[in-house]
Amino acid sequence: MPGWSYHRPRSDAGVSMLKRRVLVVAFAAALAIATGTALSQRAATSPAPSREAAARAGALEGQEEAEVTAERLEALAEARSRGLFGAGAAPTTQPAPGWLGSRLLNATADD
């Protein structure tokens, strides 16, 4: 069948593909701009959230986390005052099989 070929005849198909790509990118950019404008106008006209909405949005959770952190810091201060935190640790004298033992970098620090 010498009358036909797998190769397409050369035409201006590359130019039309470029035009399509530019058109798609321009449309996507216009859509993004329109969406951003609509959302910013909506946010500007919406009322401020109520106290109940703020509580539902995680304010209570933040307060609880702050309380837990304060309790932990108090426990840390108490342990340091008793000398229970950061106490020196002895190196391992009988390591597990396959291990060489422990080597502390600083016996007085918490490492």
PDB file of N, CA and C in Angstrom:
ATOM      1  N   MET A   1       0.820  -1.172   0.000  1.00  0.00           N
ATOM      2  CA  MET A   1       0.000   0.000   0.000  1.00  0.00           C
ATOM      3  C   MET A   1       0.875   1.250   0.000  1.00  0.00           C
ATOM      4  N   PRO A   2       1.463   1.541  -1.067  1.00  0.00           N
ATOM      5  CA  PRO A   2       2.340   2.701  -1.127  1.00  0.00           C
ATOM      6  C   PRO A   2       1.582   4.014  -1.226  1.00  0.00           C
ATOM      7  N   GLY A   3       0.270   4.001  -1.314  1.00  0.00           N
ATOM      8  CA  GLY A   3      -0.480   5.229  -1.497  1.00  0.00           C
ATOM      9  C   GLY A   3      -0.718   6.034  -0.221  1.00  0.00           C
ATOM     10  N   TRP A   4      -0.498   5.470   0.943  1.00  0.00           N
ATOM     11  CA  TRP A   4      -0.756   6.226   2.164  1.00  0.00           C
ATOM     12  C   TRP A   4       0.413   6.067   3.117  1.00  0.00           C
ATOM     13  N   SER A   5       0.453   6.916   4.137  1.00  0.00           N
ATOM     14  CA  SER A   5       1.579   6.930   5.061  1.00  0.00           C
ATOM     15  C   SER A   5       1.064   7.177   6.473  1.00  0.00           C
ATOM     16  N   TYR A   6       1.848   6.776   7.436  1.00  0.00           N
ATOM     17  CA  TYR A   6       1.498   7.036   8.830  1.00  0.00           C
ATOM     18  C   TYR A   6       1.738   8.495   9.207  1.00  0.00           C
ATOM     19  N   HIS A   7       2.519   9.184   8.439  1.00  0.00           N
ATOM     20  CA  HIS A   7       2.835  10.568   8.736  1.00  0.00           C
ATOM     21  C   HIS A   7       1.719  11.474   8.261  1.00  0.00           C
ATOM     22  N   ARG A   8       1.364  12.434   9.097  1.00  0.00           N
ATOM     23  CA  ARG A   8       0.353  13.417   8.731  1.00  0.00           C
ATOM     24  C   ARG A   8       0.971  14.448   7.795  1.00  0.00           C
ATOM     25  N   PRO A   9       0.184  14.966   6.946  1.00  0.00           N
ATOM     26  CA  PRO A   9       0.725  16.039   6.112  1.00  0.00           C
ATOM     27  C   PRO A   9       0.948  17.275   6.969  1.00  0.00           C
ATOM     28  N   ARG A  10       2.007  17.993   6.715  1.00  0.00           N
ATOM     29  CA  ARG A  10       2.352  19.181   7.501  1.00  0.00           C
ATOM     30  C   ARG A  10       1.341  20.280   7.194  1.00  0.00           C
ATOM     31  N   SER A  11       0.835  20.854   8.295  1.00  0.00           N
ATOM     32  CA  SER A  11      -0.124  21.940   8.132  1.00  0.00           C
ATOM     33  C   SER A  11       0.122  22.943   9.247  1.00  0.00           C
ATOM     34  N   ASP A  12      -0.807  23.854   9.437  1.00  0.00           N
ATOM     35  CA  ASP A  12      -0.688  24.855  10.491  1.00  0.00           C
ATOM     36  C   ASP A  12      -1.357  24.370  11.770  1.00  0.00           C
ATOM     37  N   ALA A  13      -1.304  23.070  12.043  1.00  0.00           N
ATOM     38  CA  ALA A  13      -1.928  22.512  13.243  1.00  0.00           C
ATOM     39  C   ALA A  13      -1.238  23.034  14.500  1.00  0.00           C
ATOM     40  N   GLY A  14       0.056  23.306  14.457  1.00  0.00           N
ATOM     41  CA  GLY A  14       0.781  23.814  15.617  1.00  0.00           C
ATOM     42  C   GLY A  14       0.281  25.181  16.030  1.00  0.00           C
ATOM     43  N   VAL A  15      -0.059  26.029  15.095  1.00  0.00           N
ATOM     44  CA  VAL A  15      -0.558  27.367  15.391  1.00  0.00           C
ATOM     45  C   VAL A  15      -1.930  27.277  16.054  1.00  0.00           C
ATOM     46  N   SER A  16      -2.794  26.399  15.556  1.00  0.00           N
ATOM     47  CA  SER A  16      -4.126  26.284  16.150  1.00  0.00           C
ATOM     48  C   SER A  16      -4.052  25.677  17.552  1.00  0.00           C
ATOM     49  N   MET A  17      -3.114  24.769  17.799  1.00  0.00           N
ATOM     50  CA  MET A  17      -2.936  24.219  19.141  1.00  0.00           C
ATOM     51  C   MET A  17      -2.471  25.308  20.105  1.00  0.00           C
ATOM     52  N   LEU A  18      -1.591  26.169  19.636  1.00  0.00           N
ATOM     53  CA  LEU A  18      -1.121  27.272  20.470  1.00  0.00           C
ATOM     54  C   LEU A  18      -2.271  28.214  20.801  1.00  0.00           C
ATOM     55  N   LYS A  19      -3.116  28.492  19.837  1.00  0.00           N
ATOM     56  CA  LYS A  19      -4.261  29.362  20.070  1.00  0.00           C
ATOM     57  C   LYS A  19      -5.197  28.733  21.105  1.00  0.00           C
ATOM     58  N   ARG A  20      -5.399  27.424  21.021  1.00  0.00           N
ATOM     59  CA  ARG A  20      -6.260  26.738  21.983  1.00  0.00           C
ATOM     60  C   ARG A  20      -5.680  26.816  23.387  1.00  0.00           C
ATOM     61  N   ARG A  21      -4.381  26.606  23.497  1.00  0.00           N
ATOM     62  CA  ARG A  21      -3.748  26.652  24.815  1.00  0.00           C
ATOM     63  C   ARG A  21      -3.856  28.051  25.426  1.00  0.00           C
ATOM     64  N   VAL A  22      -3.613  29.062  24.620  1.00  0.00           N
ATOM     65  CA  VAL A  22      -3.718  30.437  25.108  1.00  0.00           C
ATOM     66  C   VAL A  22      -5.146  30.723  25.545  1.00  0.00           C
ATOM     67  N   LEU A  23      -6.114  30.249  24.779  1.00  0.00           N
ATOM     68  CA  LEU A  23      -7.515  30.459  25.113  1.00  0.00           C
ATOM     69  C   LEU A  23      -7.876  29.762  26.433  1.00  0.00           C
ATOM     70  N   VAL A  24      -7.395  28.531  26.631  1.00  0.00           N
ATOM     71  CA  VAL A  24      -7.686  27.794  27.864  1.00  0.00           C
ATOM     72  C   VAL A  24      -7.048  28.496  29.060  1.00  0.00           C
ATOM     73  N   VAL A  25      -5.804  28.931  28.929  1.00  0.00           N
ATOM     74  CA  VAL A  25      -5.129  29.619  30.035  1.00  0.00           C
ATOM     75  C   VAL A  25      -5.827  30.939  30.350  1.00  0.00           C
ATOM     76  N   ALA A  26      -6.228  31.674  29.327  1.00  0.00           N
ATOM     77  CA  ALA A  26      -6.918  32.944  29.549  1.00  0.00           C
ATOM     78  C   ALA A  26      -8.259  32.711  30.244  1.00  0.00           C
ATOM     79  N   PHE A  27      -8.969  31.677  29.855  1.00  0.00           N
ATOM     80  CA  PHE A  27     -10.246  31.360  30.489  1.00  0.00           C
ATOM     81  C   PHE A  27     -10.039  30.979  31.949  1.00  0.00           C
ATOM     82  N   ALA A  28      -9.033  30.173  32.239  1.00  0.00           N
ATOM     83  CA  ALA A  28      -8.760  29.763  33.620  1.00  0.00           C
ATOM     84  C   ALA A  28      -8.380  30.970  34.475  1.00  0.00           C
ATOM     85  N   ALA A  29      -7.596  31.881  33.924  1.00  0.00           N
ATOM     86  CA  ALA A  29      -7.209  33.078  34.669  1.00  0.00           C
ATOM     87  C   ALA A  29      -8.421  33.958  34.943  1.00  0.00           C
ATOM     88  N   ALA A  30      -9.281  34.122  33.955  1.00  0.00           N
ATOM     89  CA  ALA A  30     -10.483  34.937  34.147  1.00  0.00           C
ATOM     90  C   ALA A  30     -11.402  34.310  35.194  1.00  0.00           C
ATOM     91  N   LEU A  31     -11.509  32.999  35.180  1.00  0.00           N
ATOM     92  CA  LEU A  31     -12.332  32.294  36.166  1.00  0.00           C
ATOM     93  C   LEU A  31     -11.757  32.468  37.571  1.00  0.00           C
ATOM     94  N   ALA A  32     -10.449  32.382  37.704  1.00  0.00           N
ATOM     95  CA  ALA A  32      -9.815  32.551  39.013  1.00  0.00           C
ATOM     96  C   ALA A  32     -10.013  33.971  39.535  1.00  0.00           C
ATOM     97  N   ILE A  33      -9.891  34.954  38.672  1.00  0.00           N
ATOM     98  CA  ILE A  33     -10.081  36.346  39.083  1.00  0.00           C
ATOM     99  C   ILE A  33     -11.524  36.586  39.507  1.00  0.00           C
ATOM    100  N   ALA A  34     -12.464  36.057  38.723  1.00  0.00           N
ATOM    101  CA  ALA A  34     -13.877  36.242  39.060  1.00  0.00           C
ATOM    102  C   ALA A  34     -14.227  35.565  40.384  1.00  0.00           C
ATOM    103  N   THR A  35     -13.696  34.376  40.610  1.00  0.00           N
ATOM    104  CA  THR A  35     -13.965  33.663  41.859  1.00  0.00           C
ATOM    105  C   THR A  35     -13.373  34.415  43.044  1.00  0.00           C
ATOM    106  N   GLY A  36     -12.151  34.896  42.905  1.00  0.00           N
ATOM    107  CA  GLY A  36     -11.520  35.647  43.989  1.00  0.00           C
ATOM    108  C   GLY A  36     -12.273  36.916  44.312  1.00  0.00           C
ATOM    109  N   THR A  37     -12.740  37.611  43.290  1.00  0.00           N
ATOM    110  CA  THR A  37     -13.500  38.843  43.507  1.00  0.00           C
ATOM    111  C   THR A  37     -14.816  38.548  44.226  1.00  0.00           C
ATOM    112  N   ALA A  38     -15.504  37.499  43.790  1.00  0.00           N
ATOM    113  CA  ALA A  38     -16.784  37.151  44.412  1.00  0.00           C
ATOM    114  C   ALA A  38     -16.589  36.758  45.870  1.00  0.00           C
ATOM    115  N   LEU A  39     -15.546  35.989  46.153  1.00  0.00           N
ATOM    116  CA  LEU A  39     -15.315  35.565  47.529  1.00  0.00           C
ATOM    117  C   LEU A  39     -14.912  36.737  48.417  1.00  0.00           C
ATOM    118  N   SER A  40     -14.126  37.667  47.898  1.00  0.00           N
ATOM    119  CA  SER A  40     -13.717  38.803  48.725  1.00  0.00           C
ATOM    120  C   SER A  40     -14.899  39.729  49.011  1.00  0.00           C
ATOM    121  N   GLN A  41     -15.795  39.886  48.048  1.00  0.00           N
ATOM    122  CA  GLN A  41     -16.981  40.704  48.285  1.00  0.00           C
ATOM    123  C   GLN A  41     -17.902  40.040  49.293  1.00  0.00           C
ATOM    124  N   ARG A  42     -18.006  38.735  49.209  1.00  0.00           N
ATOM    125  CA  ARG A  42     -18.855  37.992  50.141  1.00  0.00           C
ATOM    126  C   ARG A  42     -18.302  38.101  51.560  1.00  0.00           C
ATOM    127  N   ALA A  43     -16.983  37.998  51.701  1.00  0.00           N
ATOM    128  CA  ALA A  43     -16.363  38.085  53.026  1.00  0.00           C
ATOM    129  C   ALA A  43     -16.510  39.494  53.600  1.00  0.00           C
ATOM    130  N   ALA A  44     -16.471  40.503  52.749  1.00  0.00           N
ATOM    131  CA  ALA A  44     -16.573  41.881  53.221  1.00  0.00           C
ATOM    132  C   ALA A  44     -17.989  42.205  53.687  1.00  0.00           C
ATOM    133  N   THR A  45     -18.992  41.578  53.100  1.00  0.00           N
ATOM    134  CA  THR A  45     -20.372  41.884  53.455  1.00  0.00           C
ATOM    135  C   THR A  45     -20.932  40.973  54.533  1.00  0.00           C
ATOM    136  N   SER A  46     -20.224  39.891  54.882  1.00  0.00           N
ATOM    137  CA  SER A  46     -20.759  38.979  55.895  1.00  0.00           C
ATOM    138  C   SER A  46     -20.543  39.565  57.278  1.00  0.00           C
ATOM    139  N   PRO A  47     -21.491  39.323  58.213  1.00  0.00           N
ATOM    140  CA  PRO A  47     -21.359  39.867  59.565  1.00  0.00           C
ATOM    141  C   PRO A  47     -20.268  39.140  60.340  1.00  0.00           C
ATOM    142  N   ALA A  48     -19.801  39.767  61.407  1.00  0.00           N
ATOM    143  CA  ALA A  48     -18.790  39.156  62.257  1.00  0.00           C
ATOM    144  C   ALA A  48     -19.387  37.926  62.943  1.00  0.00           C
ATOM    145  N   PRO A  49     -18.582  36.892  63.159  1.00  0.00           N
ATOM    146  CA  PRO A  49     -19.116  35.692  63.798  1.00  0.00           C
ATOM    147  C   PRO A  49     -19.504  35.958  65.242  1.00  0.00           C
ATOM    148  N   SER A  50     -20.529  35.277  65.684  1.00  0.00           N
ATOM    149  CA  SER A  50     -21.009  35.450  67.051  1.00  0.00           C
ATOM    150  C   SER A  50     -20.067  34.749  68.034  1.00  0.00           C
ATOM    151  N   ARG A  51     -20.293  34.985  69.305  1.00  0.00           N
ATOM    152  CA  ARG A  51     -19.454  34.375  70.338  1.00  0.00           C
ATOM    153  C   ARG A  51     -19.596  32.851  70.312  1.00  0.00           C
ATOM    154  N   GLU A  52     -20.809  32.375  70.058  1.00  0.00           N
ATOM    155  CA  GLU A  52     -21.037  30.926  70.008  1.00  0.00           C
ATOM    156  C   GLU A  52     -20.294  30.311  68.828  1.00  0.00           C
ATOM    157  N   ALA A  53     -20.294  31.014  67.702  1.00  0.00           N
ATOM    158  CA  ALA A  53     -19.586  30.498  66.528  1.00  0.00           C
ATOM    159  C   ALA A  53     -18.090  30.456  66.788  1.00  0.00           C
ATOM    160  N   ALA A  54     -17.571  31.439  67.476  1.00  0.00           N
ATOM    161  CA  ALA A  54     -16.143  31.448  67.799  1.00  0.00           C
ATOM    162  C   ALA A  54     -15.807  30.289  68.726  1.00  0.00           C
ATOM    163  N   ALA A  55     -16.700  29.991  69.671  1.00  0.00           N
ATOM    164  CA  ALA A  55     -16.466  28.876  70.586  1.00  0.00           C
ATOM    165  C   ALA A  55     -16.471  27.559  69.825  1.00  0.00           C
ATOM    166  N   ARG A  56     -17.366  27.454  68.854  1.00  0.00           N
ATOM    167  CA  ARG A  56     -17.418  26.228  68.064  1.00  0.00           C
ATOM    168  C   ARG A  56     -16.225  26.105  67.143  1.00  0.00           C
ATOM    169  N   ALA A  57     -15.585  27.199  66.832  1.00  0.00           N
ATOM    170  CA  ALA A  57     -14.488  27.192  65.869  1.00  0.00           C
ATOM    171  C   ALA A  57     -13.169  26.787  66.493  1.00  0.00           C
ATOM    172  N   GLY A  58     -13.135  26.403  67.739  1.00  0.00           N
ATOM    173  CA  GLY A  58     -11.913  25.897  68.338  1.00  0.00           C
ATOM    174  C   GLY A  58     -11.353  26.738  69.457  1.00  0.00           C
ATOM    175  N   ALA A  59     -12.042  27.792  69.860  1.00  0.00           N
ATOM    176  CA  ALA A  59     -11.535  28.629  70.945  1.00  0.00           C
ATOM    177  C   ALA A  59     -11.492  27.847  72.254  1.00  0.00           C
ATOM    178  N   LEU A  60     -12.503  27.031  72.489  1.00  0.00           N
ATOM    179  CA  LEU A  60     -12.520  26.231  73.716  1.00  0.00           C
ATOM    180  C   LEU A  60     -11.393  25.209  73.717  1.00  0.00           C
ATOM    181  N   GLU A  61     -11.120  24.649  72.574  1.00  0.00           N
ATOM    182  CA  GLU A  61     -10.040  23.670  72.484  1.00  0.00           C
ATOM    183  C   GLU A  61      -8.698  24.334  72.783  1.00  0.00           C
ATOM    184  N   GLY A  62      -8.528  25.544  72.310  1.00  0.00           N
ATOM    185  CA  GLY A  62      -7.300  26.278  72.591  1.00  0.00           C
ATOM    186  C   GLY A  62      -7.134  26.565  74.071  1.00  0.00           C
ATOM    187  N   GLN A  63      -8.233  26.894  74.738  1.00  0.00           N
ATOM    188  CA  GLN A  63      -8.178  27.136  76.184  1.00  0.00           C
ATOM    189  C   GLN A  63      -7.800  25.864  76.930  1.00  0.00           C
ATOM    190  N   GLU A  64      -8.371  24.735  76.505  1.00  0.00           N
ATOM    191  CA  GLU A  64      -8.060  23.462  77.158  1.00  0.00           C
ATOM    192  C   GLU A  64      -6.587  23.114  76.969  1.00  0.00           C
ATOM    193  N   GLU A  65      -6.062  23.335  75.773  1.00  0.00           N
ATOM    194  CA  GLU A  65      -4.658  23.048  75.522  1.00  0.00           C
ATOM    195  C   GLU A  65      -3.759  23.949  76.356  1.00  0.00           C
ATOM    196  N   ALA A  66      -4.141  25.198  76.530  1.00  0.00           N
ATOM    197  CA  ALA A  66      -3.354  26.119  77.357  1.00  0.00           C
ATOM    198  C   ALA A  66      -3.347  25.658  78.811  1.00  0.00           C
ATOM    199  N   GLU A  67      -4.488  25.157  79.310  1.00  0.00           N
ATOM    200  CA  GLU A  67      -4.560  24.655  80.685  1.00  0.00           C
ATOM    201  C   GLU A  67      -3.679  23.422  80.857  1.00  0.00           C
ATOM    202  N   VAL A  68      -3.719  22.506  79.889  1.00  0.00           N
ATOM    203  CA  VAL A  68      -2.888  21.299  79.967  1.00  0.00           C
ATOM    204  C   VAL A  68      -1.411  21.679  79.943  1.00  0.00           C
ATOM    205  N   THR A  69      -1.050  22.639  79.109  1.00  0.00           N
ATOM    206  CA  THR A  69       0.344  23.087  79.048  1.00  0.00           C
ATOM    207  C   THR A  69       0.780  23.690  80.368  1.00  0.00           C
ATOM    208  N   ALA A  70      -0.083  24.489  80.985  1.00  0.00           N
ATOM    209  CA  ALA A  70       0.241  25.080  82.284  1.00  0.00           C
ATOM    210  C   ALA A  70       0.440  23.998  83.343  1.00  0.00           C
ATOM    211  N   GLU A  71      -0.413  22.974  83.347  1.00  0.00           N
ATOM    212  CA  GLU A  71      -0.266  21.866  84.302  1.00  0.00           C
ATOM    213  C   GLU A  71       1.051  21.136  84.085  1.00  0.00           C
ATOM    214  N   ARG A  72       1.411  20.924  82.832  1.00  0.00           N
ATOM    215  CA  ARG A  72       2.669  20.229  82.543  1.00  0.00           C
ATOM    216  C   ARG A  72       3.875  21.050  82.982  1.00  0.00           C
ATOM    217  N   LEU A  73       3.819  22.359  82.764  1.00  0.00           N
ATOM    218  CA  LEU A  73       4.925  23.207  83.194  1.00  0.00           C
ATOM    219  C   LEU A  73       5.054  23.237  84.711  1.00  0.00           C
ATOM    220  N   GLU A  74       3.931  23.230  85.416  1.00  0.00           N
ATOM    221  CA  GLU A  74       3.962  23.164  86.879  1.00  0.00           C
ATOM    222  C   GLU A  74       4.573  21.846  87.353  1.00  0.00           C
ATOM    223  N   ALA A  75       4.190  20.730  86.706  1.00  0.00           N
ATOM    224  CA  ALA A  75       4.744  19.428  87.069  1.00  0.00           C
ATOM    225  C   ALA A  75       6.246  19.384  86.785  1.00  0.00           C
ATOM    226  N   LEU A  76       6.678  20.005  85.704  1.00  0.00           N
ATOM    227  CA  LEU A  76       8.106  20.055  85.382  1.00  0.00           C
ATOM    228  C   LEU A  76       8.870  20.844  86.437  1.00  0.00           C
ATOM    229  N   ALA A  77       8.334  21.991  86.837  1.00  0.00           N
ATOM    230  CA  ALA A  77       8.993  22.802  87.857  1.00  0.00           C
ATOM    231  C   ALA A  77       9.078  22.042  89.180  1.00  0.00           C
ATOM    232  N   GLU A  78       8.024  21.317  89.540  1.00  0.00           N
ATOM    233  CA  GLU A  78       8.030  20.537  90.778  1.00  0.00           C
ATOM    234  C   GLU A  78       9.052  19.409  90.714  1.00  0.00           C
ATOM    235  N   ALA A  79       9.127  18.724  89.570  1.00  0.00           N
ATOM    236  CA  ALA A  79      10.091  17.634  89.418  1.00  0.00           C
ATOM    237  C   ALA A  79      11.521  18.160  89.465  1.00  0.00           C
ATOM    238  N   ARG A  80      11.762  19.321  88.888  1.00  0.00           N
ATOM    239  CA  ARG A  80      13.111  19.912  88.947  1.00  0.00           C
ATOM    240  C   ARG A  80      13.465  20.305  90.376  1.00  0.00           C
ATOM    241  N   SER A  81      12.492  20.842  91.119  1.00  0.00           N
ATOM    242  CA  SER A  81      12.778  21.248  92.495  1.00  0.00           C
ATOM    243  C   SER A  81      13.069  20.041  93.385  1.00  0.00           C
ATOM    244  N   ARG A  82      12.464  18.905  93.102  1.00  0.00           N
ATOM    245  CA  ARG A  82      12.719  17.673  93.860  1.00  0.00           C
ATOM    246  C   ARG A  82      13.978  16.954  93.386  1.00  0.00           C
ATOM    247  N   GLY A  83      14.517  17.381  92.238  1.00  0.00           N
ATOM    248  CA  GLY A  83      15.707  16.727  91.703  1.00  0.00           C
ATOM    249  C   GLY A  83      15.401  15.461  90.924  1.00  0.00           C
ATOM    250  N   LEU A  84      14.147  15.310  90.475  1.00  0.00           N
ATOM    251  CA  LEU A  84      13.755  14.112  89.737  1.00  0.00           C
ATOM    252  C   LEU A  84      13.903  14.263  88.227  1.00  0.00           C
ATOM    253  N   PHE A  85      14.029  15.477  87.763  1.00  0.00           N
ATOM    254  CA  PHE A  85      14.130  15.710  86.320  1.00  0.00           C
ATOM    255  C   PHE A  85      15.571  16.049  85.983  1.00  0.00           C
ATOM    256  N   GLY A  86      16.099  15.395  84.954  1.00  0.00           N
ATOM    257  CA  GLY A  86      17.462  15.663  84.522  1.00  0.00           C
ATOM    258  C   GLY A  86      18.503  15.016  85.410  1.00  0.00           C
ATOM    259  N   ALA A  87      18.093  14.002  86.166  1.00  0.00           N
ATOM    260  CA  ALA A  87      19.042  13.315  87.033  1.00  0.00           C
ATOM    261  C   ALA A  87      20.026  12.530  86.174  1.00  0.00           C
ATOM    262  N   GLY A  88      21.248  12.390  86.678  1.00  0.00           N
ATOM    263  CA  GLY A  88      22.269  11.643  85.939  1.00  0.00           C
ATOM    264  C   GLY A  88      21.856  10.202  85.743  1.00  0.00           C
ATOM    265  N   ALA A  89      22.202   9.654  84.624  1.00  0.00           N
ATOM    266  CA  ALA A  89      21.875   8.265  84.309  1.00  0.00           C
ATOM    267  C   ALA A  89      23.172   7.480  84.143  1.00  0.00           C
ATOM    268  N   ALA A  90      23.186   6.289  84.666  1.00  0.00           N
ATOM    269  CA  ALA A  90      24.372   5.446  84.556  1.00  0.00           C
ATOM    270  C   ALA A  90      24.389   4.763  83.189  1.00  0.00           C
ATOM    271  N   PRO A  91      25.560   4.583  82.614  1.00  0.00           N
ATOM    272  CA  PRO A  91      25.631   3.864  81.346  1.00  0.00           C
ATOM    273  C   PRO A  91      25.201   2.415  81.529  1.00  0.00           C
ATOM    274  N   THR A  92      24.726   1.826  80.463  1.00  0.00           N
ATOM    275  CA  THR A  92      24.304   0.431  80.494  1.00  0.00           C
ATOM    276  C   THR A  92      25.541  -0.453  80.585  1.00  0.00           C
ATOM    277  N   THR A  93      25.543  -1.332  81.580  1.00  0.00           N
ATOM    278  CA  THR A  93      26.697  -2.216  81.741  1.00  0.00           C
ATOM    279  C   THR A  93      26.480  -3.554  81.060  1.00  0.00           C
ATOM    280  N   GLN A  94      25.243  -3.973  80.921  1.00  0.00           N
ATOM    281  CA  GLN A  94      24.945  -5.241  80.245  1.00  0.00           C
ATOM    282  C   GLN A  94      23.974  -4.962  79.103  1.00  0.00           C
ATOM    283  N   PRO A  95      24.476  -4.589  77.940  1.00  0.00           N
ATOM    284  CA  PRO A  95      23.586  -4.248  76.828  1.00  0.00           C
ATOM    285  C   PRO A  95      22.882  -5.479  76.271  1.00  0.00           C
ATOM    286  N   ALA A  96      21.821  -5.242  75.542  1.00  0.00           N
ATOM    287  CA  ALA A  96      21.082  -6.315  74.889  1.00  0.00           C
ATOM    288  C   ALA A  96      21.963  -6.943  73.819  1.00  0.00           C
ATOM    289  N   PRO A  97      21.696  -8.211  73.456  1.00  0.00           N
ATOM    290  CA  PRO A  97      22.513  -8.851  72.428  1.00  0.00           C
ATOM    291  C   PRO A  97      22.477  -8.063  71.118  1.00  0.00           C
ATOM    292  N   GLY A  98      23.635  -7.841  70.553  1.00  0.00           N
ATOM    293  CA  GLY A  98      23.728  -7.108  69.305  1.00  0.00           C
ATOM    294  C   GLY A  98      23.996  -5.628  69.492  1.00  0.00           C
ATOM    295  N   TRP A  99      23.914  -5.133  70.722  1.00  0.00           N
ATOM    296  CA  TRP A  99      24.171  -3.730  71.007  1.00  0.00           C
ATOM    297  C   TRP A  99      25.483  -3.613  71.760  1.00  0.00           C
ATOM    298  N   LEU A 100      26.122  -2.467  71.617  1.00  0.00           N
ATOM    299  CA  LEU A 100      27.402  -2.253  72.269  1.00  0.00           C
ATOM    300  C   LEU A 100      27.265  -1.581  73.628  1.00  0.00           C
ATOM    301  N   GLY A 101      26.086  -1.139  73.953  1.00  0.00           N
ATOM    302  CA  GLY A 101      25.887  -0.436  75.214  1.00  0.00           C
ATOM    303  C   GLY A 101      25.545   1.010  74.946  1.00  0.00           C
ATOM    304  N   SER A 102      25.328   1.768  75.990  1.00  0.00           N
ATOM    305  CA  SER A 102      24.962   3.163  75.825  1.00  0.00           C
ATOM    306  C   SER A 102      26.146   4.050  76.150  1.00  0.00           C
ATOM    307  N   ARG A 103      26.161   5.190  75.521  1.00  0.00           N
ATOM    308  CA  ARG A 103      27.201   6.171  75.797  1.00  0.00           C
ATOM    309  C   ARG A 103      26.515   7.524  75.873  1.00  0.00           C
ATOM    310  N   LEU A 104      26.467   8.094  77.048  1.00  0.00           N
ATOM    311  CA  LEU A 104      25.821   9.379  77.238  1.00  0.00           C
ATOM    312  C   LEU A 104      26.720  10.496  76.739  1.00  0.00           C
ATOM    313  N   LEU A 105      26.121  11.458  76.062  1.00  0.00           N
ATOM    314  CA  LEU A 105      26.881  12.613  75.614  1.00  0.00           C
ATOM    315  C   LEU A 105      27.185  13.532  76.777  1.00  0.00           C
ATOM    316  N   ASN A 106      26.214  13.703  77.664  1.00  0.00           N
ATOM    317  CA  ASN A 106      26.384  14.568  78.824  1.00  0.00           C
ATOM    318  C   ASN A 106      25.562  13.962  79.966  1.00  0.00           C
ATOM    319  N   ALA A 107      26.211  13.452  80.965  1.00  0.00           N
ATOM    320  CA  ALA A 107      25.521  12.744  82.050  1.00  0.00           C
ATOM    321  C   ALA A 107      24.656  13.663  82.880  1.00  0.00           C
ATOM    322  N   THR A 108      24.914  14.977  82.862  1.00  0.00           N
ATOM    323  CA  THR A 108      24.110  15.879  83.684  1.00  0.00           C
ATOM    324  C   THR A 108      22.948  16.485  82.920  1.00  0.00           C
ATOM    325  N   ALA A 109      22.906  16.318  81.609  1.00  0.00           N
ATOM    326  CA  ALA A 109      21.816  16.873  80.800  1.00  0.00           C
ATOM    327  C   ALA A 109      20.812  15.782  80.481  1.00  0.00           C
ATOM    328  N   ASP A 110      19.669  16.188  79.957  1.00  0.00           N
ATOM    329  CA  ASP A 110      18.600  15.251  79.595  1.00  0.00           C
ATOM    330  C   ASP A 110      18.746  14.871  78.132  1.00  0.00           C
ATOM    331  N   ASP A 111      19.586  13.899  77.839  1.00  0.00           N
ATOM    332  CA  ASP A 111      19.721  13.448  76.459  1.00  0.00           C
ATOM    333  C   ASP A 111      19.412  11.986  76.421  1.00  0.00           C
TER     334      ASP A 111
END
